[in-house]
Amino acid sequence: MVHCIFFFVLSVLYCTGSIRKWHTRNIRIEIAMKNTIVLLSYGALIEVLQSRVFTWRSGDWHDLLADTIGASMGIFAVLVTGNAINSNK
């Protein structure tokens, strides 16, 4: 649950940064896909490091699944919120 919440917040902040960087009113789908790849790669790297480098930690597929779900939920929330805000203007 914690992994899901952290990656939800991380993806919302990452998408907000992308919106500001590209000076758009909403996140474009290709940027959302790139953000998803970056966030999932980051989650996978964390799990690989935990299983290979840090002896007191263990990498877990369930953690990576929770990271994926949280990142996907965050990006979806940004897409839906952006479309709702921009459809009223």
C-alpha atoms as a PDB file:
ATOM      1  CA  MET A   1       0.000   0.000   0.000  1.00  0.00           C
ATOM      2  CA  VAL A   2       2.829   2.373   0.842  1.00  0.00           C
ATOM      3  CA  HIS A   3       4.556   1.721  -2.489  1.00  0.00           C
ATOM      4  CA  CYS A   4       1.314   2.452  -4.320  1.00  0.00           C
ATOM      5  CA  ILE A   5       0.771   5.747  -2.493  1.00  0.00           C
ATOM      6  CA  PHE A   6       4.374   6.906  -2.917  1.00  0.00           C
ATOM      7  CA  PHE A   7       4.399   6.160  -6.633  1.00  0.00           C
ATOM      8  CA  PHE A   8       0.991   7.807  -7.049  1.00  0.00           C
ATOM      9  CA  VAL A   9       2.358  11.018  -5.540  1.00  0.00           C
ATOM     10  CA  LEU A  10       5.624  10.696  -7.487  1.00  0.00           C
ATOM     11  CA  SER A  11       3.790  10.268 -10.794  1.00  0.00           C
ATOM     12  CA  VAL A  12       1.489  13.240 -10.155  1.00  0.00           C
ATOM     13  CA  LEU A  13       4.468  15.455  -9.345  1.00  0.00           C
ATOM     14  CA  TYR A  14       6.439  14.120 -12.329  1.00  0.00           C
ATOM     15  CA  CYS A  15       3.515  14.774 -14.691  1.00  0.00           C
ATOM     16  CA  THR A  16       3.042  18.254 -13.242  1.00  0.00           C
ATOM     17  CA  GLY A  17       6.696  18.950 -13.955  1.00  0.00           C
ATOM     18  CA  SER A  18       6.258  17.700 -17.513  1.00  0.00           C
ATOM     19  CA  ILE A  19       3.247  19.965 -18.032  1.00  0.00           C
ATOM     20  CA  ARG A  20       5.229  22.961 -16.815  1.00  0.00           C
ATOM     21  CA  LYS A  21       8.281  22.013 -18.875  1.00  0.00           C
ATOM     22  CA  TRP A  22       6.339  21.707 -22.139  1.00  0.00           C
ATOM     23  CA  HIS A  23       4.087  24.729 -21.387  1.00  0.00           C
ATOM     24  CA  THR A  24       0.860  22.856 -22.072  1.00  0.00           C
ATOM     25  CA  ARG A  25      -2.488  22.934 -20.329  1.00  0.00           C
ATOM     26  CA  ASN A  26      -2.721  19.159 -20.197  1.00  0.00           C
ATOM     27  CA  ILE A  27      -0.304  16.274 -20.463  1.00  0.00           C
ATOM     28  CA  ARG A  28      -0.047  14.806 -23.941  1.00  0.00           C
ATOM     29  CA  ILE A  29      -0.391  11.062 -24.330  1.00  0.00           C
ATOM     30  CA  GLU A  30       3.175  10.563 -25.610  1.00  0.00           C
ATOM     31  CA  ILE A  31       4.541  12.413 -22.582  1.00  0.00           C
ATOM     32  CA  ALA A  32       2.336  10.307 -20.299  1.00  0.00           C
ATOM     33  CA  MET A  33       3.720   7.144 -21.894  1.00  0.00           C
ATOM     34  CA  LYS A  34       7.314   8.345 -21.477  1.00  0.00           C
ATOM     35  CA  ASN A  35       6.604   9.244 -17.852  1.00  0.00           C
ATOM     36  CA  THR A  36       5.163   5.769 -17.285  1.00  0.00           C
ATOM     37  CA  ILE A  37       8.281   4.127 -18.695  1.00  0.00           C
ATOM     38  CA  VAL A  38      10.549   6.296 -16.559  1.00  0.00           C
ATOM     39  CA  LEU A  39       8.591   5.627 -13.372  1.00  0.00           C
ATOM     40  CA  LEU A  40       8.396   1.871 -13.962  1.00  0.00           C
ATOM     41  CA  SER A  41      12.112   1.740 -14.740  1.00  0.00           C
ATOM     42  CA  TYR A  42      12.801   3.613 -11.516  1.00  0.00           C
ATOM     43  CA  GLY A  43      10.660   1.166  -9.521  1.00  0.00           C
ATOM     44  CA  ALA A  44      12.378  -1.823 -11.176  1.00  0.00           C
ATOM     45  CA  LEU A  45      15.813  -0.336 -10.456  1.00  0.00           C
ATOM     46  CA  ILE A  46      14.932   0.064  -6.798  1.00  0.00           C
ATOM     47  CA  GLU A  47      13.828  -3.566  -6.560  1.00  0.00           C
ATOM     48  CA  VAL A  48      16.922  -4.850  -8.389  1.00  0.00           C
ATOM     49  CA  LEU A  49      19.181  -2.835  -6.097  1.00  0.00           C
ATOM     50  CA  GLN A  50      17.359  -4.185  -3.065  1.00  0.00           C
ATOM     51  CA  SER A  51      17.776  -7.776  -4.201  1.00  0.00           C
ATOM     52  CA  ARG A  52      21.382  -7.581  -5.488  1.00  0.00           C
ATOM     53  CA  VAL A  53      23.234  -4.817  -3.669  1.00  0.00           C
ATOM     54  CA  PHE A  54      21.716  -4.322  -0.249  1.00  0.00           C
ATOM     55  CA  THR A  55      22.082  -7.484   1.824  1.00  0.00           C
ATOM     56  CA  TRP A  56      19.592  -6.421   4.490  1.00  0.00           C
ATOM     57  CA  ARG A  57      16.822  -5.785   1.931  1.00  0.00           C
ATOM     58  CA  SER A  58      15.031  -8.077  -0.483  1.00  0.00           C
ATOM     59  CA  GLY A  59      13.529  -7.237  -3.853  1.00  0.00           C
ATOM     60  CA  ASP A  60       9.905  -8.250  -4.230  1.00  0.00           C
ATOM     61  CA  TRP A  61       7.703  -8.573  -7.294  1.00  0.00           C
ATOM     62  CA  HIS A  62       4.707  -7.453  -5.258  1.00  0.00           C
ATOM     63  CA  ASP A  63       6.445  -4.159  -4.504  1.00  0.00           C
ATOM     64  CA  LEU A  64       7.088  -3.621  -8.214  1.00  0.00           C
ATOM     65  CA  LEU A  65       3.442  -4.399  -8.940  1.00  0.00           C
ATOM     66  CA  ALA A  66       2.357  -1.856  -6.321  1.00  0.00           C
ATOM     67  CA  ASP A  67       4.759   0.702  -7.860  1.00  0.00           C
ATOM     68  CA  THR A  68       3.223   0.059 -11.278  1.00  0.00           C
ATOM     69  CA  ILE A  69      -0.330   0.397 -10.012  1.00  0.00           C
ATOM     70  CA  GLY A  70       0.447   3.618  -8.131  1.00  0.00           C
ATOM     71  CA  ALA A  71       2.240   5.187 -11.105  1.00  0.00           C
ATOM     72  CA  SER A  72      -0.567   4.222 -13.473  1.00  0.00           C
ATOM     73  CA  MET A  73      -3.212   5.596 -11.125  1.00  0.00           C
ATOM     74  CA  GLY A  74      -1.333   8.885 -10.783  1.00  0.00           C
ATOM     75  CA  ILE A  75      -0.869   9.384 -14.511  1.00  0.00           C
ATOM     76  CA  PHE A  76      -4.505   8.466 -15.133  1.00  0.00           C
ATOM     77  CA  ALA A  77      -5.582  10.970 -12.473  1.00  0.00           C
ATOM     78  CA  VAL A  78      -3.542  13.719 -14.130  1.00  0.00           C
ATOM     79  CA  LEU A  79      -5.014  12.894 -17.548  1.00  0.00           C
ATOM     80  CA  VAL A  80      -8.602  12.885 -16.256  1.00  0.00           C
ATOM     81  CA  THR A  81      -8.164  16.015 -14.147  1.00  0.00           C
ATOM     82  CA  GLY A  82      -6.474  17.909 -16.984  1.00  0.00           C
ATOM     83  CA  ASN A  83      -9.218  16.975 -19.442  1.00  0.00           C
ATOM     84  CA  ALA A  84     -11.940  17.956 -16.966  1.00  0.00           C
ATOM     85  CA  ILE A  85     -10.366  21.335 -16.252  1.00  0.00           C
ATOM     86  CA  ASN A  86      -9.687  22.132 -19.904  1.00  0.00           C
ATOM     87  CA  SER A  87     -13.153  21.073 -21.129  1.00  0.00           C
ATOM     88  CA  ASN A  88     -14.746  23.818 -19.008  1.00  0.00           C
ATOM     89  CA  LYS A  89     -12.689  26.579 -20.611  1.00  0.00           C
END
